[in-house]
Amino acid sequence: MKNTLGDLNNHLFAQLERLGDEDLKGEALIEEIERGKAIGDVARNIVANGSLVLQAKRLSDDRMNADTKVPKMLEG
């Protein structure tokens, strides 16, 4: 599986379009809202994971620099 952040963006906009369908009513609308919540939760986790990977990469790139300041969230 080789999904990209662009693919995630496309999925989010497709979900937004489904939620904007004015013909969607009743149970179908409730199901689509629940699906939208689930997609949003997964998307938040994907973005948070990407952010963590980026932070780790930055920290790794700076490990040879003696002047590097440790992020406050890692101090302790």
PDB file of N, CA and C in Angstrom:
ATOM      1  N   MET A   1       0.850  -1.169   0.000  1.00  0.00           N
ATOM      2  CA  MET A   1       0.000   0.000   0.000  1.00  0.00           C
ATOM      3  C   MET A   1       0.903   1.241   0.000  1.00  0.00           C
ATOM      4  N   LYS A   2       0.718   2.115  -0.950  1.00  0.00           N
ATOM      5  CA  LYS A   2       1.560   3.297  -1.070  1.00  0.00           C
ATOM      6  C   LYS A   2       0.710   4.552  -1.141  1.00  0.00           C
ATOM      7  N   ASN A   3      -0.070   4.792  -0.098  1.00  0.00           N
ATOM      8  CA  ASN A   3      -0.882   5.997  -0.061  1.00  0.00           C
ATOM      9  C   ASN A   3      -0.017   7.199   0.281  1.00  0.00           C
ATOM     10  N   THR A   4      -0.444   8.352  -0.171  1.00  0.00           N
ATOM     11  CA  THR A   4       0.288   9.582   0.085  1.00  0.00           C
ATOM     12  C   THR A   4      -0.607  10.564   0.824  1.00  0.00           C
ATOM     13  N   LEU A   5      -0.009  11.656   1.302  1.00  0.00           N
ATOM     14  CA  LEU A   5      -0.822  12.696   1.926  1.00  0.00           C
ATOM     15  C   LEU A   5      -1.773  13.316   0.908  1.00  0.00           C
ATOM     16  N   GLY A   6      -1.399  13.301  -0.359  1.00  0.00           N
ATOM     17  CA  GLY A   6      -2.293  13.762  -1.413  1.00  0.00           C
ATOM     18  C   GLY A   6      -3.530  12.871  -1.506  1.00  0.00           C
ATOM     19  N   ASP A   7      -3.325  11.557  -1.359  1.00  0.00           N
ATOM     20  CA  ASP A   7      -4.455  10.620  -1.353  1.00  0.00           C
ATOM     21  C   ASP A   7      -5.367  10.903  -0.161  1.00  0.00           C
ATOM     22  N   LEU A   8      -4.760  11.160   0.997  1.00  0.00           N
ATOM     23  CA  LEU A   8      -5.547  11.483   2.186  1.00  0.00           C
ATOM     24  C   LEU A   8      -6.376  12.735   1.944  1.00  0.00           C
ATOM     25  N   ASN A   9      -5.762  13.724   1.360  1.00  0.00           N
ATOM     26  CA  ASN A   9      -6.459  14.969   1.039  1.00  0.00           C
ATOM     27  C   ASN A   9      -7.655  14.692   0.126  1.00  0.00           C
ATOM     28  N   ASN A  10      -7.451  13.867  -0.889  1.00  0.00           N
ATOM     29  CA  ASN A  10      -8.540  13.511  -1.805  1.00  0.00           C
ATOM     30  C   ASN A  10      -9.683  12.795  -1.073  1.00  0.00           C
ATOM     31  N   HIS A  11      -9.337  11.875  -0.157  1.00  0.00           N
ATOM     32  CA  HIS A  11     -10.362  11.167   0.611  1.00  0.00           C
ATOM     33  C   HIS A  11     -11.156  12.142   1.485  1.00  0.00           C
ATOM     34  N   LEU A  12     -10.452  13.089   2.097  1.00  0.00           N
ATOM     35  CA  LEU A  12     -11.133  14.051   2.965  1.00  0.00           C
ATOM     36  C   LEU A  12     -12.091  14.929   2.169  1.00  0.00           C
ATOM     37  N   PHE A  13     -11.663  15.379   1.000  1.00  0.00           N
ATOM     38  CA  PHE A  13     -12.549  16.204   0.185  1.00  0.00           C
ATOM     39  C   PHE A  13     -13.717  15.398  -0.376  1.00  0.00           C
ATOM     40  N   ALA A  14     -13.481  14.133  -0.698  1.00  0.00           N
ATOM     41  CA  ALA A  14     -14.585  13.273  -1.166  1.00  0.00           C
ATOM     42  C   ALA A  14     -15.612  13.098  -0.050  1.00  0.00           C
ATOM     43  N   GLN A  15     -15.126  12.923   1.184  1.00  0.00           N
ATOM     44  CA  GLN A  15     -16.050  12.793   2.316  1.00  0.00           C
ATOM     45  C   GLN A  15     -16.827  14.086   2.526  1.00  0.00           C
ATOM     46  N   LEU A  16     -16.161  15.206   2.382  1.00  0.00           N
ATOM     47  CA  LEU A  16     -16.834  16.498   2.512  1.00  0.00           C
ATOM     48  C   LEU A  16     -17.949  16.637   1.478  1.00  0.00           C
ATOM     49  N   GLU A  17     -17.677  16.192   0.263  1.00  0.00           N
ATOM     50  CA  GLU A  17     -18.703  16.239  -0.784  1.00  0.00           C
ATOM     51  C   GLU A  17     -19.890  15.347  -0.433  1.00  0.00           C
ATOM     52  N   ARG A  18     -19.624  14.147   0.101  1.00  0.00           N
ATOM     53  CA  ARG A  18     -20.726  13.250   0.486  1.00  0.00           C
ATOM     54  C   ARG A  18     -21.555  13.873   1.599  1.00  0.00           C
ATOM     55  N   LEU A  19     -20.898  14.498   2.555  1.00  0.00           N
ATOM     56  CA  LEU A  19     -21.627  15.137   3.655  1.00  0.00           C
ATOM     57  C   LEU A  19     -22.428  16.344   3.182  1.00  0.00           C
ATOM     58  N   GLY A  20     -21.997  16.965   2.105  1.00  0.00           N
ATOM     59  CA  GLY A  20     -22.698  18.128   1.566  1.00  0.00           C
ATOM     60  C   GLY A  20     -23.867  17.787   0.662  1.00  0.00           C
ATOM     61  N   ASP A  21     -24.102  16.510   0.434  1.00  0.00           N
ATOM     62  CA  ASP A  21     -25.201  16.071  -0.426  1.00  0.00           C
ATOM     63  C   ASP A  21     -26.531  16.379   0.261  1.00  0.00           C
ATOM     64  N   GLU A  22     -27.276  17.325  -0.272  1.00  0.00           N
ATOM     65  CA  GLU A  22     -28.537  17.748   0.340  1.00  0.00           C
ATOM     66  C   GLU A  22     -29.634  16.693   0.236  1.00  0.00           C
ATOM     67  N   ASP A  23     -29.457  15.719  -0.628  1.00  0.00           N
ATOM     68  CA  ASP A  23     -30.445  14.646  -0.765  1.00  0.00           C
ATOM     69  C   ASP A  23     -30.263  13.557   0.293  1.00  0.00           C
ATOM     70  N   LEU A  24     -29.142  13.599   1.002  1.00  0.00           N
ATOM     71  CA  LEU A  24     -28.859  12.597   2.029  1.00  0.00           C
ATOM     72  C   LEU A  24     -29.678  12.919   3.277  1.00  0.00           C
ATOM     73  N   LYS A  25     -30.491  11.971   3.711  1.00  0.00           N
ATOM     74  CA  LYS A  25     -31.390  12.218   4.836  1.00  0.00           C
ATOM     75  C   LYS A  25     -31.475  10.979   5.734  1.00  0.00           C
ATOM     76  N   GLY A  26     -31.984  11.180   6.920  1.00  0.00           N
ATOM     77  CA  GLY A  26     -32.272  10.083   7.832  1.00  0.00           C
ATOM     78  C   GLY A  26     -31.087   9.217   8.166  1.00  0.00           C
ATOM     79  N   GLU A  27     -31.326   7.885   8.113  1.00  0.00           N
ATOM     80  CA  GLU A  27     -30.282   6.917   8.461  1.00  0.00           C
ATOM     81  C   GLU A  27     -29.047   7.064   7.586  1.00  0.00           C
ATOM     82  N   ALA A  28     -29.249   7.318   6.307  1.00  0.00           N
ATOM     83  CA  ALA A  28     -28.110   7.452   5.390  1.00  0.00           C
ATOM     84  C   ALA A  28     -27.231   8.626   5.804  1.00  0.00           C
ATOM     85  N   LEU A  29     -27.838   9.723   6.223  1.00  0.00           N
ATOM     86  CA  LEU A  29     -27.078  10.886   6.675  1.00  0.00           C
ATOM     87  C   LEU A  29     -26.335  10.566   7.968  1.00  0.00           C
ATOM     88  N   ILE A  30     -27.004   9.900   8.882  1.00  0.00           N
ATOM     89  CA  ILE A  30     -26.355   9.521  10.149  1.00  0.00           C
ATOM     90  C   ILE A  30     -25.159   8.610   9.886  1.00  0.00           C
ATOM     91  N   GLU A  31     -25.333   7.635   8.994  1.00  0.00           N
ATOM     92  CA  GLU A  31     -24.223   6.737   8.641  1.00  0.00           C
ATOM     93  C   GLU A  31     -23.062   7.512   8.025  1.00  0.00           C
ATOM     94  N   GLU A  32     -23.368   8.464   7.161  1.00  0.00           N
ATOM     95  CA  GLU A  32     -22.313   9.246   6.503  1.00  0.00           C
ATOM     96  C   GLU A  32     -21.589  10.127   7.518  1.00  0.00           C
ATOM     97  N   ILE A  33     -22.320  10.674   8.477  1.00  0.00           N
ATOM     98  CA  ILE A  33     -21.694  11.482   9.536  1.00  0.00           C
ATOM     99  C   ILE A  33     -20.747  10.616  10.366  1.00  0.00           C
ATOM    100  N   GLU A  34     -21.191   9.420  10.716  1.00  0.00           N
ATOM    101  CA  GLU A  34     -20.327   8.501  11.480  1.00  0.00           C
ATOM    102  C   GLU A  34     -19.094   8.106  10.672  1.00  0.00           C
ATOM    103  N   ARG A  35     -19.299   7.842   9.379  1.00  0.00           N
ATOM    104  CA  ARG A  35     -18.166   7.517   8.507  1.00  0.00           C
ATOM    105  C   ARG A  35     -17.201   8.700   8.458  1.00  0.00           C
ATOM    106  N   GLY A  36     -17.739   9.903   8.366  1.00  0.00           N
ATOM    107  CA  GLY A  36     -16.910  11.101   8.342  1.00  0.00           C
ATOM    108  C   GLY A  36     -16.092  11.258   9.607  1.00  0.00           C
ATOM    109  N   LYS A  37     -16.704  10.964  10.756  1.00  0.00           N
ATOM    110  CA  LYS A  37     -15.975  11.029  12.027  1.00  0.00           C
ATOM    111  C   LYS A  37     -14.825  10.026  12.045  1.00  0.00           C
ATOM    112  N   ALA A  38     -15.101   8.814  11.571  1.00  0.00           N
ATOM    113  CA  ALA A  38     -14.062   7.780  11.546  1.00  0.00           C
ATOM    114  C   ALA A  38     -12.921   8.175  10.612  1.00  0.00           C
ATOM    115  N   ILE A  39     -13.256   8.697   9.455  1.00  0.00           N
ATOM    116  CA  ILE A  39     -12.228   9.140   8.508  1.00  0.00           C
ATOM    117  C   ILE A  39     -11.414  10.273   9.112  1.00  0.00           C
ATOM    118  N   GLY A  40     -12.089  11.207   9.784  1.00  0.00           N
ATOM    119  CA  GLY A  40     -11.387  12.315  10.432  1.00  0.00           C
ATOM    120  C   GLY A  40     -10.438  11.830  11.516  1.00  0.00           C
ATOM    121  N   ASP A  41     -10.865  10.847  12.299  1.00  0.00           N
ATOM    122  CA  ASP A  41      -9.994  10.291  13.345  1.00  0.00           C
ATOM    123  C   ASP A  41      -8.749   9.647  12.743  1.00  0.00           C
ATOM    124  N   VAL A  42      -8.958   8.863  11.704  1.00  0.00           N
ATOM    125  CA  VAL A  42      -7.807   8.217  11.043  1.00  0.00           C
ATOM    126  C   VAL A  42      -6.886   9.282  10.447  1.00  0.00           C
ATOM    127  N   ALA A  43      -7.456  10.283   9.813  1.00  0.00           N
ATOM    128  CA  ALA A  43      -6.646  11.349   9.204  1.00  0.00           C
ATOM    129  C   ALA A  43      -5.812  12.066  10.259  1.00  0.00           C
ATOM    130  N   ARG A  44      -6.410  12.363  11.420  1.00  0.00           N
ATOM    131  CA  ARG A  44      -5.658  13.019  12.500  1.00  0.00           C
ATOM    132  C   ARG A  44      -4.490  12.148  12.953  1.00  0.00           C
ATOM    133  N   ASN A  45      -4.714  10.845  13.052  1.00  0.00           N
ATOM    134  CA  ASN A  45      -3.631   9.939  13.447  1.00  0.00           C
ATOM    135  C   ASN A  45      -2.520   9.888  12.403  1.00  0.00           C
ATOM    136  N   ILE A  46      -2.896   9.893  11.143  1.00  0.00           N
ATOM    137  CA  ILE A  46      -1.891   9.881  10.068  1.00  0.00           C
ATOM    138  C   ILE A  46      -1.053  11.154  10.122  1.00  0.00           C
ATOM    139  N   VAL A  47      -1.704  12.301  10.284  1.00  0.00           N
ATOM    140  CA  VAL A  47      -0.984  13.576  10.335  1.00  0.00           C
ATOM    141  C   VAL A  47      -0.101  13.633  11.580  1.00  0.00           C
ATOM    142  N   ALA A  48      -0.608  13.176  12.729  1.00  0.00           N
ATOM    143  CA  ALA A  48       0.186  13.177  13.958  1.00  0.00           C
ATOM    144  C   ALA A  48       1.402  12.267  13.806  1.00  0.00           C
ATOM    145  N   ASN A  49       1.221  11.117  13.174  1.00  0.00           N
ATOM    146  CA  ASN A  49       2.339  10.206  12.943  1.00  0.00           C
ATOM    147  C   ASN A  49       3.379  10.843  12.022  1.00  0.00           C
ATOM    148  N   GLY A  50       2.913  11.491  10.968  1.00  0.00           N
ATOM    149  CA  GLY A  50       3.844  12.172  10.059  1.00  0.00           C
ATOM    150  C   GLY A  50       4.610  13.266  10.771  1.00  0.00           C
ATOM    151  N   SER A  51       3.942  13.985  11.651  1.00  0.00           N
ATOM    152  CA  SER A  51       4.594  15.037  12.431  1.00  0.00           C
ATOM    153  C   SER A  51       5.667  14.451  13.347  1.00  0.00           C
ATOM    154  N   LEU A  52       5.364  13.332  13.979  1.00  0.00           N
ATOM    155  CA  LEU A  52       6.330  12.665  14.846  1.00  0.00           C
ATOM    156  C   LEU A  52       7.550  12.196  14.057  1.00  0.00           C
ATOM    157  N   VAL A  53       7.321  11.625  12.891  1.00  0.00           N
ATOM    158  CA  VAL A  53       8.427  11.182  12.041  1.00  0.00           C
ATOM    159  C   VAL A  53       9.304  12.374  11.645  1.00  0.00           C
ATOM    160  N   LEU A  54       8.666  13.487  11.295  1.00  0.00           N
ATOM    161  CA  LEU A  54       9.409  14.686  10.923  1.00  0.00           C
ATOM    162  C   LEU A  54      10.233  15.214  12.097  1.00  0.00           C
ATOM    163  N   GLN A  55       9.642  15.240  13.293  1.00  0.00           N
ATOM    164  CA  GLN A  55      10.384  15.689  14.475  1.00  0.00           C
ATOM    165  C   GLN A  55      11.577  14.785  14.748  1.00  0.00           C
ATOM    166  N   ALA A  56      11.380  13.485  14.624  1.00  0.00           N
ATOM    167  CA  ALA A  56      12.472  12.537  14.851  1.00  0.00           C
ATOM    168  C   ALA A  56      13.584  12.737  13.827  1.00  0.00           C
ATOM    169  N   LYS A  57      13.212  12.974  12.591  1.00  0.00           N
ATOM    170  CA  LYS A  57      14.204  13.209  11.541  1.00  0.00           C
ATOM    171  C   LYS A  57      14.999  14.471  11.823  1.00  0.00           C
ATOM    172  N   ARG A  58      14.307  15.529  12.223  1.00  0.00           N
ATOM    173  CA  ARG A  58      15.001  16.775  12.548  1.00  0.00           C
ATOM    174  C   ARG A  58      15.965  16.582  13.707  1.00  0.00           C
ATOM    175  N   LEU A  59      15.516  15.875  14.742  1.00  0.00           N
ATOM    176  CA  LEU A  59      16.361  15.619  15.897  1.00  0.00           C
ATOM    177  C   LEU A  59      17.565  14.779  15.499  1.00  0.00           C
ATOM    178  N   SER A  60      17.332  13.778  14.658  1.00  0.00           N
ATOM    179  CA  SER A  60      18.415  12.928  14.184  1.00  0.00           C
ATOM    180  C   SER A  60      19.421  13.723  13.358  1.00  0.00           C
ATOM    181  N   ASP A  61      18.937  14.624  12.518  1.00  0.00           N
ATOM    182  CA  ASP A  61      19.825  15.443  11.691  1.00  0.00           C
ATOM    183  C   ASP A  61      20.678  16.377  12.537  1.00  0.00           C
ATOM    184  N   ASP A  62      20.167  16.776  13.690  1.00  0.00           N
ATOM    185  CA  ASP A  62      20.873  17.719  14.549  1.00  0.00           C
ATOM    186  C   ASP A  62      21.726  17.037  15.618  1.00  0.00           C
ATOM    187  N   ARG A  63      21.735  15.713  15.671  1.00  0.00           N
ATOM    188  CA  ARG A  63      22.408  15.025  16.774  1.00  0.00           C
ATOM    189  C   ARG A  63      23.909  15.264  16.815  1.00  0.00           C
ATOM    190  N   MET A  64      24.522  15.608  15.696  1.00  0.00           N
ATOM    191  CA  MET A  64      25.959  15.845  15.668  1.00  0.00           C
ATOM    192  C   MET A  64      26.308  17.277  16.072  1.00  0.00           C
ATOM    193  N   ASN A  65      25.330  18.124  16.231  1.00  0.00           N
ATOM    194  CA  ASN A  65      25.559  19.518  16.567  1.00  0.00           C
ATOM    195  C   ASN A  65      25.498  19.671  18.083  1.00  0.00           C
ATOM    196  N   ALA A  66      26.611  20.018  18.710  1.00  0.00           N
ATOM    197  CA  ALA A  66      26.672  20.137  20.164  1.00  0.00           C
ATOM    198  C   ALA A  66      25.819  21.287  20.684  1.00  0.00           C
ATOM    199  N   ASP A  67      25.442  22.216  19.820  1.00  0.00           N
ATOM    200  CA  ASP A  67      24.641  23.360  20.244  1.00  0.00           C
ATOM    201  C   ASP A  67      23.132  23.111  20.120  1.00  0.00           C
ATOM    202  N   THR A  68      22.757  21.934  19.701  1.00  0.00           N
ATOM    203  CA  THR A  68      21.340  21.622  19.519  1.00  0.00           C
ATOM    204  C   THR A  68      20.610  21.672  20.843  1.00  0.00           C
ATOM    205  N   LYS A  69      19.453  22.343  20.847  1.00  0.00           N
ATOM    206  CA  LYS A  69      18.627  22.386  22.035  1.00  0.00           C
ATOM    207  C   LYS A  69      17.576  21.291  21.941  1.00  0.00           C
ATOM    208  N   VAL A  70      17.413  20.555  23.016  1.00  0.00           N
ATOM    209  CA  VAL A  70      16.429  19.486  23.076  1.00  0.00           C
ATOM    210  C   VAL A  70      15.046  20.131  23.173  1.00  0.00           C
ATOM    211  N   PRO A  71      14.078  19.680  22.377  1.00  0.00           N
ATOM    212  CA  PRO A  71      12.728  20.242  22.480  1.00  0.00           C
ATOM    213  C   PRO A  71      12.194  20.102  23.905  1.00  0.00           C
ATOM    214  N   LYS A  72      11.456  21.131  24.352  1.00  0.00           N
ATOM    215  CA  LYS A  72      10.936  21.135  25.721  1.00  0.00           C
ATOM    216  C   LYS A  72      10.133  19.886  26.035  1.00  0.00           C
ATOM    217  N   MET A  73       9.403  19.390  25.039  1.00  0.00           N
ATOM    218  CA  MET A  73       8.570  18.212  25.286  1.00  0.00           C
ATOM    219  C   MET A  73       9.415  16.967  25.601  1.00  0.00           C
ATOM    220  N   LEU A  74      10.720  16.982  25.226  1.00  0.00           N
ATOM    221  CA  LEU A  74      11.591  15.837  25.484  1.00  0.00           C
ATOM    222  C   LEU A  74      12.451  16.030  26.711  1.00  0.00           C
ATOM    223  N   GLU A  75      12.441  17.244  27.278  1.00  0.00           N
ATOM    224  CA  GLU A  75      13.221  17.488  28.492  1.00  0.00           C
ATOM    225  C   GLU A  75      12.541  16.819  29.660  1.00  0.00           C
ATOM    226  N   GLY A  76      13.279  16.433  30.589  1.00  0.00           N
ATOM    227  CA  GLY A  76      12.549  15.943  31.723  1.00  0.00           C
ATOM    228  C   GLY A  76      13.321  15.143  32.644  1.00  0.00           C
TER     229      GLY A  76
END
